[in-house]
Amino acid sequence: MQTQSPTTAAAPLFQLGRCVATVGVDDLLRRLALNPYDLLSRHVRGDWGDLDESDKSLNRRALLDRSRLMSSYSVGDKKVWVITDADWAVTTILLPSEY
């Protein structure tokens, strides 16, 4: 996993709500001995990972209007998404194929 970028906030930018992980991502993280907290920590601090500039801009706007937030990270040879729903009540860690 990548380290946080210099533009990442030191403090959380929003509430994650209830955090859940899908079976596929749980299997992947267990196999690689990784903690999902590391992905959640990056997400909540505004390190959106491998998103393009357009999607990062949508996230910056979502911080203002409390809409959906999304991050994408490379984990091993897979992509992992972290999505906080529009009402910020639930954050889900999942593989794109599980969307």
PDB file of N, CA and C in Angstrom:
ATOM      1  N   MET A   1       0.840  -1.182   0.000  1.00  0.00           N
ATOM      2  CA  MET A   1       0.000   0.000   0.000  1.00  0.00           C
ATOM      3  C   MET A   1       0.880   1.238   0.000  1.00  0.00           C
ATOM      4  N   GLN A   2       0.352   2.323  -0.552  1.00  0.00           N
ATOM      5  CA  GLN A   2       1.090   3.563  -0.623  1.00  0.00           C
ATOM      6  C   GLN A   2       1.056   4.288   0.712  1.00  0.00           C
ATOM      7  N   THR A   3       2.016   5.198   0.900  1.00  0.00           N
ATOM      8  CA  THR A   3       1.975   6.051   2.074  1.00  0.00           C
ATOM      9  C   THR A   3       1.066   7.226   1.783  1.00  0.00           C
ATOM     10  N   GLN A   4       0.684   7.950   2.824  1.00  0.00           N
ATOM     11  CA  GLN A   4      -0.198   9.085   2.638  1.00  0.00           C
ATOM     12  C   GLN A   4       0.501  10.177   1.848  1.00  0.00           C
ATOM     13  N   SER A   5      -0.254  10.866   1.026  1.00  0.00           N
ATOM     14  CA  SER A   5       0.302  11.968   0.254  1.00  0.00           C
ATOM     15  C   SER A   5       0.428  13.199   1.140  1.00  0.00           C
ATOM     16  N   PRO A   6       1.283  14.157   0.761  1.00  0.00           N
ATOM     17  CA  PRO A   6       1.455  15.353   1.572  1.00  0.00           C
ATOM     18  C   PRO A   6       0.197  16.198   1.678  1.00  0.00           C
ATOM     19  N   THR A   7      -0.766  16.020   0.771  1.00  0.00           N
ATOM     20  CA  THR A   7      -1.999  16.798   0.826  1.00  0.00           C
ATOM     21  C   THR A   7      -3.062  16.144   1.700  1.00  0.00           C
ATOM     22  N   THR A   8      -2.767  15.005   2.254  1.00  0.00           N
ATOM     23  CA  THR A   8      -3.725  14.294   3.095  1.00  0.00           C
ATOM     24  C   THR A   8      -3.857  14.991   4.442  1.00  0.00           C
ATOM     25  N   ALA A   9      -5.079  15.136   4.915  1.00  0.00           N
ATOM     26  CA  ALA A   9      -5.330  15.783   6.198  1.00  0.00           C
ATOM     27  C   ALA A   9      -4.825  14.924   7.344  1.00  0.00           C
ATOM     28  N   ALA A  10      -4.377  15.577   8.403  1.00  0.00           N
ATOM     29  CA  ALA A  10      -3.909  14.856   9.586  1.00  0.00           C
ATOM     30  C   ALA A  10      -5.086  14.335  10.406  1.00  0.00           C
ATOM     31  N   ALA A  11      -6.186  15.072  10.390  1.00  0.00           N
ATOM     32  CA  ALA A  11      -7.370  14.692  11.160  1.00  0.00           C
ATOM     33  C   ALA A  11      -8.454  14.186  10.206  1.00  0.00           C
ATOM     34  N   PRO A  12      -9.356  13.365  10.699  1.00  0.00           N
ATOM     35  CA  PRO A  12     -10.453  12.883   9.852  1.00  0.00           C
ATOM     36  C   PRO A  12     -11.266  14.041   9.272  1.00  0.00           C
ATOM     37  N   LEU A  13     -11.682  13.885   8.026  1.00  0.00           N
ATOM     38  CA  LEU A  13     -12.451  14.923   7.338  1.00  0.00           C
ATOM     39  C   LEU A  13     -13.956  14.701   7.433  1.00  0.00           C
ATOM     40  N   PHE A  14     -14.374  13.493   7.817  1.00  0.00           N
ATOM     41  CA  PHE A  14     -15.788  13.152   7.880  1.00  0.00           C
ATOM     42  C   PHE A  14     -15.943  11.915   8.751  1.00  0.00           C
ATOM     43  N   GLN A  15     -17.195  11.585   9.068  1.00  0.00           N
ATOM     44  CA  GLN A  15     -17.504  10.394   9.852  1.00  0.00           C
ATOM     45  C   GLN A  15     -17.696   9.206   8.912  1.00  0.00           C
ATOM     46  N   LEU A  16     -17.072   8.086   9.243  1.00  0.00           N
ATOM     47  CA  LEU A  16     -17.195   6.881   8.426  1.00  0.00           C
ATOM     48  C   LEU A  16     -18.540   6.188   8.594  1.00  0.00           C
ATOM     49  N   GLY A  17     -19.197   6.384   9.714  1.00  0.00           N
ATOM     50  CA  GLY A  17     -20.410   5.631  10.005  1.00  0.00           C
ATOM     51  C   GLY A  17     -20.043   4.189  10.337  1.00  0.00           C
ATOM     52  N   ARG A  18     -20.982   3.285  10.120  1.00  0.00           N
ATOM     53  CA  ARG A  18     -20.718   1.861  10.342  1.00  0.00           C
ATOM     54  C   ARG A  18     -19.822   1.350   9.220  1.00  0.00           C
ATOM     55  N   CYS A  19     -18.777   0.620   9.571  1.00  0.00           N
ATOM     56  CA  CYS A  19     -17.822   0.110   8.579  1.00  0.00           C
ATOM     57  C   CYS A  19     -18.044  -1.380   8.357  1.00  0.00           C
ATOM     58  N   VAL A  20     -18.134  -1.747   7.086  1.00  0.00           N
ATOM     59  CA  VAL A  20     -18.320  -3.150   6.716  1.00  0.00           C
ATOM     60  C   VAL A  20     -17.360  -3.498   5.588  1.00  0.00           C
ATOM     61  N   ALA A  21     -17.037  -4.774   5.491  1.00  0.00           N
ATOM     62  CA  ALA A  21     -16.179  -5.271   4.409  1.00  0.00           C
ATOM     63  C   ALA A  21     -16.859  -6.477   3.772  1.00  0.00           C
ATOM     64  N   THR A  22     -16.721  -6.591   2.475  1.00  0.00           N
ATOM     65  CA  THR A  22     -17.291  -7.731   1.759  1.00  0.00           C
ATOM     66  C   THR A  22     -16.416  -8.969   1.967  1.00  0.00           C
ATOM     67  N   VAL A  23     -16.964 -10.108   1.632  1.00  0.00           N
ATOM     68  CA  VAL A  23     -16.240 -11.372   1.770  1.00  0.00           C
ATOM     69  C   VAL A  23     -14.956 -11.366   0.939  1.00  0.00           C
ATOM     70  N   GLY A  24     -15.051 -10.883  -0.288  1.00  0.00           N
ATOM     71  CA  GLY A  24     -13.883 -10.890  -1.174  1.00  0.00           C
ATOM     72  C   GLY A  24     -12.732 -10.059  -0.651  1.00  0.00           C
ATOM     73  N   VAL A  25     -13.038  -8.868  -0.169  1.00  0.00           N
ATOM     74  CA  VAL A  25     -11.966  -8.015   0.345  1.00  0.00           C
ATOM     75  C   VAL A  25     -11.454  -8.549   1.684  1.00  0.00           C
ATOM     76  N   ASP A  26     -12.329  -9.135   2.479  1.00  0.00           N
ATOM     77  CA  ASP A  26     -11.891  -9.742   3.737  1.00  0.00           C
ATOM     78  C   ASP A  26     -10.900 -10.871   3.461  1.00  0.00           C
ATOM     79  N   ASP A  27     -11.208 -11.718   2.492  1.00  0.00           N
ATOM     80  CA  ASP A  27     -10.290 -12.798   2.111  1.00  0.00           C
ATOM     81  C   ASP A  27      -8.955 -12.247   1.627  1.00  0.00           C
ATOM     82  N   LEU A  28      -8.995 -11.218   0.779  1.00  0.00           N
ATOM     83  CA  LEU A  28      -7.768 -10.620   0.250  1.00  0.00           C
ATOM     84  C   LEU A  28      -6.903 -10.047   1.366  1.00  0.00           C
ATOM     85  N   LEU A  29      -7.496  -9.266   2.249  1.00  0.00           N
ATOM     86  CA  LEU A  29      -6.721  -8.646   3.324  1.00  0.00           C
ATOM     87  C   LEU A  29      -6.162  -9.689   4.287  1.00  0.00           C
ATOM     88  N   ARG A  30      -6.925 -10.733   4.578  1.00  0.00           N
ATOM     89  CA  ARG A  30      -6.412 -11.811   5.443  1.00  0.00           C
ATOM     90  C   ARG A  30      -5.236 -12.526   4.781  1.00  0.00           C
ATOM     91  N   ARG A  31      -5.381 -12.813   3.493  1.00  0.00           N
ATOM     92  CA  ARG A  31      -4.319 -13.512   2.764  1.00  0.00           C
ATOM     93  C   ARG A  31      -3.022 -12.699   2.752  1.00  0.00           C
ATOM     94  N   LEU A  32      -3.138 -11.380   2.667  1.00  0.00           N
ATOM     95  CA  LEU A  32      -1.960 -10.513   2.633  1.00  0.00           C
ATOM     96  C   LEU A  32      -1.559  -9.995   4.013  1.00  0.00           C
ATOM     97  N   ALA A  33      -2.272 -10.442   5.051  1.00  0.00           N
ATOM     98  CA  ALA A  33      -2.021 -10.024   6.437  1.00  0.00           C
ATOM     99  C   ALA A  33      -2.057  -8.501   6.574  1.00  0.00           C
ATOM    100  N   LEU A  34      -3.085  -7.876   5.960  1.00  0.00           N
ATOM    101  CA  LEU A  34      -3.255  -6.430   6.036  1.00  0.00           C
ATOM    102  C   LEU A  34      -4.470  -6.091   6.884  1.00  0.00           C
ATOM    103  N   ASN A  35      -4.411  -4.941   7.525  1.00  0.00           N
ATOM    104  CA  ASN A  35      -5.485  -4.478   8.385  1.00  0.00           C
ATOM    105  C   ASN A  35      -6.379  -3.513   7.603  1.00  0.00           C
ATOM    106  N   PRO A  36      -7.683  -3.725   7.575  1.00  0.00           N
ATOM    107  CA  PRO A  36      -8.571  -2.805   6.859  1.00  0.00           C
ATOM    108  C   PRO A  36      -8.537  -1.392   7.429  1.00  0.00           C
ATOM    109  N   TYR A  37      -8.132  -1.256   8.686  1.00  0.00           N
ATOM    110  CA  TYR A  37      -8.045   0.065   9.306  1.00  0.00           C
ATOM    111  C   TYR A  37      -7.125   0.986   8.506  1.00  0.00           C
ATOM    112  N   ASP A  38      -6.063   0.441   7.924  1.00  0.00           N
ATOM    113  CA  ASP A  38      -5.135   1.266   7.148  1.00  0.00           C
ATOM    114  C   ASP A  38      -5.839   1.913   5.953  1.00  0.00           C
ATOM    115  N   LEU A  39      -6.690   1.169   5.276  1.00  0.00           N
ATOM    116  CA  LEU A  39      -7.449   1.721   4.150  1.00  0.00           C
ATOM    117  C   LEU A  39      -8.468   2.752   4.631  1.00  0.00           C
ATOM    118  N   LEU A  40      -9.156   2.444   5.719  1.00  0.00           N
ATOM    119  CA  LEU A  40     -10.140   3.381   6.266  1.00  0.00           C
ATOM    120  C   LEU A  40      -9.476   4.673   6.721  1.00  0.00           C
ATOM    121  N   SER A  41      -8.297   4.556   7.317  1.00  0.00           N
ATOM    122  CA  SER A  41      -7.564   5.730   7.786  1.00  0.00           C
ATOM    123  C   SER A  41      -7.184   6.643   6.621  1.00  0.00           C
ATOM    124  N   ARG A  42      -6.730   6.066   5.541  1.00  0.00           N
ATOM    125  CA  ARG A  42      -6.384   6.858   4.353  1.00  0.00           C
ATOM    126  C   ARG A  42      -7.632   7.540   3.793  1.00  0.00           C
ATOM    127  N   HIS A  43      -8.707   6.783   3.675  1.00  0.00           N
ATOM    128  CA  HIS A  43      -9.965   7.277   3.105  1.00  0.00           C
ATOM    129  C   HIS A  43     -10.505   8.463   3.908  1.00  0.00           C
ATOM    130  N   VAL A  44     -10.587   8.331   5.212  1.00  0.00           N
ATOM    131  CA  VAL A  44     -11.201   9.357   6.061  1.00  0.00           C
ATOM    132  C   VAL A  44     -10.349  10.624   6.151  1.00  0.00           C
ATOM    133  N   ARG A  45      -9.088  10.522   5.775  1.00  0.00           N
ATOM    134  CA  ARG A  45      -8.193  11.683   5.801  1.00  0.00           C
ATOM    135  C   ARG A  45      -8.001  12.314   4.418  1.00  0.00           C
ATOM    136  N   GLY A  46      -8.737  11.836   3.439  1.00  0.00           N
ATOM    137  CA  GLY A  46      -8.709  12.463   2.126  1.00  0.00           C
ATOM    138  C   GLY A  46      -7.637  11.960   1.190  1.00  0.00           C
ATOM    139  N   ASP A  47      -7.013  10.835   1.525  1.00  0.00           N
ATOM    140  CA  ASP A  47      -6.096  10.182   0.587  1.00  0.00           C
ATOM    141  C   ASP A  47      -6.962   9.237  -0.239  1.00  0.00           C
ATOM    142  N   TRP A  48      -7.386   9.717  -1.392  1.00  0.00           N
ATOM    143  CA  TRP A  48      -8.340   8.975  -2.218  1.00  0.00           C
ATOM    144  C   TRP A  48      -7.682   7.887  -3.052  1.00  0.00           C
ATOM    145  N   GLY A  49      -6.374   7.724  -2.925  1.00  0.00           N
ATOM    146  CA  GLY A  49      -5.689   6.631  -3.606  1.00  0.00           C
ATOM    147  C   GLY A  49      -5.529   6.862  -5.091  1.00  0.00           C
ATOM    148  N   ASP A  50      -5.956   5.883  -5.877  1.00  0.00           N
ATOM    149  CA  ASP A  50      -5.696   5.843  -7.315  1.00  0.00           C
ATOM    150  C   ASP A  50      -6.789   6.492  -8.173  1.00  0.00           C
ATOM    151  N   LEU A  51      -7.567   7.399  -7.612  1.00  0.00           N
ATOM    152  CA  LEU A  51      -8.610   8.063  -8.392  1.00  0.00           C
ATOM    153  C   LEU A  51      -8.005   9.104  -9.322  1.00  0.00           C
ATOM    154  N   ASP A  52      -8.692   9.354 -10.441  1.00  0.00           N
ATOM    155  CA  ASP A  52      -8.239  10.432 -11.323  1.00  0.00           C
ATOM    156  C   ASP A  52      -8.676  11.780 -10.735  1.00  0.00           C
ATOM    157  N   GLU A  53      -8.181  12.854 -11.316  1.00  0.00           N
ATOM    158  CA  GLU A  53      -8.435  14.190 -10.762  1.00  0.00           C
ATOM    159  C   GLU A  53      -9.918  14.541 -10.755  1.00  0.00           C
ATOM    160  N   SER A  54     -10.662  14.084 -11.738  1.00  0.00           N
ATOM    161  CA  SER A  54     -12.099  14.344 -11.789  1.00  0.00           C
ATOM    162  C   SER A  54     -12.821  13.715 -10.597  1.00  0.00           C
ATOM    163  N   ASP A  55     -12.484  12.467 -10.283  1.00  0.00           N
ATOM    164  CA  ASP A  55     -13.114  11.789  -9.143  1.00  0.00           C
ATOM    165  C   ASP A  55     -12.668  12.398  -7.815  1.00  0.00           C
ATOM    166  N   LYS A  56     -11.418  12.823  -7.731  1.00  0.00           N
ATOM    167  CA  LYS A  56     -10.948  13.496  -6.510  1.00  0.00           C
ATOM    168  C   LYS A  56     -11.714  14.800  -6.303  1.00  0.00           C
ATOM    169  N   SER A  57     -11.981  15.508  -7.390  1.00  0.00           N
ATOM    170  CA  SER A  57     -12.756  16.745  -7.314  1.00  0.00           C
ATOM    171  C   SER A  57     -14.179  16.471  -6.825  1.00  0.00           C
ATOM    172  N   LEU A  58     -14.778  15.382  -7.301  1.00  0.00           N
ATOM    173  CA  LEU A  58     -16.108  14.990  -6.813  1.00  0.00           C
ATOM    174  C   LEU A  58     -16.075  14.720  -5.315  1.00  0.00           C
ATOM    175  N   ASN A  59     -15.012  14.086  -4.833  1.00  0.00           N
ATOM    176  CA  ASN A  59     -14.890  13.834  -3.397  1.00  0.00           C
ATOM    177  C   ASN A  59     -14.763  15.138  -2.615  1.00  0.00           C
ATOM    178  N   ARG A  60     -13.985  16.087  -3.132  1.00  0.00           N
ATOM    179  CA  ARG A  60     -13.851  17.375  -2.436  1.00  0.00           C
ATOM    180  C   ARG A  60     -15.215  18.067  -2.338  1.00  0.00           C
ATOM    181  N   ARG A  61     -15.993  17.992  -3.401  1.00  0.00           N
ATOM    182  CA  ARG A  61     -17.341  18.561  -3.375  1.00  0.00           C
ATOM    183  C   ARG A  61     -18.234  17.792  -2.394  1.00  0.00           C
ATOM    184  N   ALA A  62     -18.073  16.475  -2.355  1.00  0.00           N
ATOM    185  CA  ALA A  62     -18.883  15.644  -1.454  1.00  0.00           C
ATOM    186  C   ALA A  62     -18.633  15.982   0.008  1.00  0.00           C
ATOM    187  N   LEU A  63     -17.432  16.430   0.327  1.00  0.00           N
ATOM    188  CA  LEU A  63     -17.148  16.846   1.699  1.00  0.00           C
ATOM    189  C   LEU A  63     -17.995  18.050   2.089  1.00  0.00           C
ATOM    190  N   LEU A  64     -18.362  18.868   1.125  1.00  0.00           N
ATOM    191  CA  LEU A  64     -19.172  20.056   1.390  1.00  0.00           C
ATOM    192  C   LEU A  64     -20.662  19.753   1.408  1.00  0.00           C
ATOM    193  N   ASP A  65     -21.117  18.865   0.524  1.00  0.00           N
ATOM    194  CA  ASP A  65     -22.561  18.600   0.446  1.00  0.00           C
ATOM    195  C   ASP A  65     -22.968  17.236   1.006  1.00  0.00           C
ATOM    196  N   ARG A  66     -22.028  16.590   1.649  1.00  0.00           N
ATOM    197  CA  ARG A  66     -22.289  15.325   2.352  1.00  0.00           C
ATOM    198  C   ARG A  66     -22.839  14.241   1.416  1.00  0.00           C
ATOM    199  N   SER A  67     -22.257  14.158   0.236  1.00  0.00           N
ATOM    200  CA  SER A  67     -22.653  13.097  -0.688  1.00  0.00           C
ATOM    201  C   SER A  67     -21.623  11.966  -0.661  1.00  0.00           C
ATOM    202  N   ARG A  68     -21.776  11.018  -1.546  1.00  0.00           N
ATOM    203  CA  ARG A  68     -20.955   9.805  -1.541  1.00  0.00           C
ATOM    204  C   ARG A  68     -19.470  10.115  -1.740  1.00  0.00           C
ATOM    205  N   LEU A  69     -18.627   9.414  -0.991  1.00  0.00           N
ATOM    206  CA  LEU A  69     -17.169   9.519  -1.087  1.00  0.00           C
ATOM    207  C   LEU A  69     -16.614   8.171  -1.508  1.00  0.00           C
ATOM    208  N   MET A  70     -15.616   8.207  -2.384  1.00  0.00           N
ATOM    209  CA  MET A  70     -15.039   6.953  -2.874  1.00  0.00           C
ATOM    210  C   MET A  70     -13.529   7.064  -2.956  1.00  0.00           C
ATOM    211  N   SER A  71     -12.858   5.979  -2.588  1.00  0.00           N
ATOM    212  CA  SER A  71     -11.410   5.849  -2.753  1.00  0.00           C
ATOM    213  C   SER A  71     -11.128   4.538  -3.466  1.00  0.00           C
ATOM    214  N   SER A  72      -9.975   4.471  -4.108  1.00  0.00           N
ATOM    215  CA  SER A  72      -9.553   3.255  -4.800  1.00  0.00           C
ATOM    216  C   SER A  72      -8.076   3.032  -4.511  1.00  0.00           C
ATOM    217  N   TYR A  73      -7.750   1.849  -4.013  1.00  0.00           N
ATOM    218  CA  TYR A  73      -6.370   1.545  -3.632  1.00  0.00           C
ATOM    219  C   TYR A  73      -5.905   0.253  -4.296  1.00  0.00           C
ATOM    220  N   SER A  74      -4.634   0.208  -4.618  1.00  0.00           N
ATOM    221  CA  SER A  74      -4.007  -1.028  -5.093  1.00  0.00           C
ATOM    222  C   SER A  74      -3.577  -1.829  -3.877  1.00  0.00           C
ATOM    223  N   VAL A  75      -4.063  -3.051  -3.798  1.00  0.00           N
ATOM    224  CA  VAL A  75      -3.720  -3.945  -2.689  1.00  0.00           C
ATOM    225  C   VAL A  75      -3.273  -5.257  -3.319  1.00  0.00           C
ATOM    226  N   GLY A  76      -1.991  -5.547  -3.205  1.00  0.00           N
ATOM    227  CA  GLY A  76      -1.452  -6.694  -3.920  1.00  0.00           C
ATOM    228  C   GLY A  76      -1.652  -6.456  -5.406  1.00  0.00           C
ATOM    229  N   ASP A  77      -2.235  -7.426  -6.085  1.00  0.00           N
ATOM    230  CA  ASP A  77      -2.498  -7.261  -7.521  1.00  0.00           C
ATOM    231  C   ASP A  77      -3.959  -6.904  -7.801  1.00  0.00           C
ATOM    232  N   LYS A  78      -4.674  -6.465  -6.775  1.00  0.00           N
ATOM    233  CA  LYS A  78      -6.102  -6.143  -6.895  1.00  0.00           C
ATOM    234  C   LYS A  78      -6.350  -4.668  -6.604  1.00  0.00           C
ATOM    235  N   LYS A  79      -7.503  -4.201  -7.038  1.00  0.00           N
ATOM    236  CA  LYS A  79      -8.029  -2.894  -6.653  1.00  0.00           C
ATOM    237  C   LYS A  79      -9.018  -3.117  -5.525  1.00  0.00           C
ATOM    238  N   VAL A  80      -8.999  -2.221  -4.559  1.00  0.00           N
ATOM    239  CA  VAL A  80      -9.970  -2.242  -3.471  1.00  0.00           C
ATOM    240  C   VAL A  80     -10.625  -0.867  -3.421  1.00  0.00           C
ATOM    241  N   TRP A  81     -11.941  -0.856  -3.367  1.00  0.00           N
ATOM    242  CA  TRP A  81     -12.680   0.389  -3.244  1.00  0.00           C
ATOM    243  C   TRP A  81     -13.130   0.568  -1.801  1.00  0.00           C
ATOM    244  N   VAL A  82     -13.142   1.817  -1.358  1.00  0.00           N
ATOM    245  CA  VAL A  82     -13.740   2.199  -0.082  1.00  0.00           C
ATOM    246  C   VAL A  82     -14.787   3.251  -0.422  1.00  0.00           C
ATOM    247  N   ILE A  83     -16.041   2.973  -0.082  1.00  0.00           N
ATOM    248  CA  ILE A  83     -17.148   3.859  -0.434  1.00  0.00           C
ATOM    249  C   ILE A  83     -17.931   4.214   0.825  1.00  0.00           C
ATOM    250  N   THR A  84     -18.043   5.514   1.074  1.00  0.00           N
ATOM    251  CA  THR A  84     -18.903   6.010   2.145  1.00  0.00           C
ATOM    252  C   THR A  84     -20.188   6.497   1.491  1.00  0.00           C
ATOM    253  N   ASP A  85     -21.318   5.928   1.914  1.00  0.00           N
ATOM    254  CA  ASP A  85     -22.615   6.262   1.325  1.00  0.00           C
ATOM    255  C   ASP A  85     -22.944   7.742   1.494  1.00  0.00           C
ATOM    256  N   ALA A  86     -23.908   8.199   0.709  1.00  0.00           N
ATOM    257  CA  ALA A  86     -24.251   9.617   0.646  1.00  0.00           C
ATOM    258  C   ALA A  86     -24.636  10.215   1.996  1.00  0.00           C
ATOM    259  N   ASP A  87     -25.249   9.466   2.863  1.00  0.00           N
ATOM    260  CA  ASP A  87     -25.611  10.034   4.170  1.00  0.00           C
ATOM    261  C   ASP A  87     -24.520   9.818   5.219  1.00  0.00           C
ATOM    262  N   TRP A  88     -23.406   9.250   4.788  1.00  0.00           N
ATOM    263  CA  TRP A  88     -22.238   8.978   5.640  1.00  0.00           C
ATOM    264  C   TRP A  88     -22.573   8.048   6.813  1.00  0.00           C
ATOM    265  N   ALA A  89     -23.588   7.221   6.653  1.00  0.00           N
ATOM    266  CA  ALA A  89     -23.972   6.290   7.712  1.00  0.00           C
ATOM    267  C   ALA A  89     -23.196   4.983   7.626  1.00  0.00           C
ATOM    268  N   VAL A  90     -22.743   4.612   6.419  1.00  0.00           N
ATOM    269  CA  VAL A  90     -22.060   3.334   6.214  1.00  0.00           C
ATOM    270  C   VAL A  90     -20.879   3.537   5.269  1.00  0.00           C
ATOM    271  N   THR A  91     -19.755   2.917   5.616  1.00  0.00           N
ATOM    272  CA  THR A  91     -18.595   2.858   4.731  1.00  0.00           C
ATOM    273  C   THR A  91     -18.327   1.394   4.432  1.00  0.00           C
ATOM    274  N   THR A  92     -18.202   1.071   3.150  1.00  0.00           N
ATOM    275  CA  THR A  92     -17.995  -0.305   2.711  1.00  0.00           C
ATOM    276  C   THR A  92     -16.646  -0.436   2.025  1.00  0.00           C
ATOM    277  N   ILE A  93     -15.902  -1.480   2.387  1.00  0.00           N
ATOM    278  CA  ILE A  93     -14.654  -1.828   1.708  1.00  0.00           C
ATOM    279  C   ILE A  93     -14.980  -3.036   0.836  1.00  0.00           C
ATOM    280  N   LEU A  94     -14.684  -2.931  -0.466  1.00  0.00           N
ATOM    281  CA  LEU A  94     -15.083  -3.995  -1.377  1.00  0.00           C
ATOM    282  C   LEU A  94     -14.164  -4.065  -2.586  1.00  0.00           C
ATOM    283  N   LEU A  95     -14.241  -5.194  -3.265  1.00  0.00           N
ATOM    284  CA  LEU A  95     -13.588  -5.341  -4.559  1.00  0.00           C
ATOM    285  C   LEU A  95     -14.532  -4.771  -5.618  1.00  0.00           C
ATOM    286  N   PRO A  96     -14.009  -4.172  -6.692  1.00  0.00           N
ATOM    287  CA  PRO A  96     -14.891  -3.652  -7.739  1.00  0.00           C
ATOM    288  C   PRO A  96     -15.877  -4.697  -8.269  1.00  0.00           C
ATOM    289  N   SER A  97     -15.469  -5.948  -8.345  1.00  0.00           N
ATOM    290  CA  SER A  97     -16.356  -7.008  -8.841  1.00  0.00           C
ATOM    291  C   SER A  97     -17.527  -7.281  -7.897  1.00  0.00           C
ATOM    292  N   GLU A  98     -17.458  -6.781  -6.673  1.00  0.00           N
ATOM    293  CA  GLU A  98     -18.530  -6.994  -5.694  1.00  0.00           C
ATOM    294  C   GLU A  98     -19.503  -5.812  -5.632  1.00  0.00           C
ATOM    295  N   TYR A  99     -19.289  -4.811  -6.465  1.00  0.00           N
ATOM    296  CA  TYR A  99     -20.133  -3.607  -6.446  1.00  0.00           C
ATOM    297  C   TYR A  99     -21.520  -3.906  -6.959  1.00  0.00           C
TER     298      TYR A  99
END
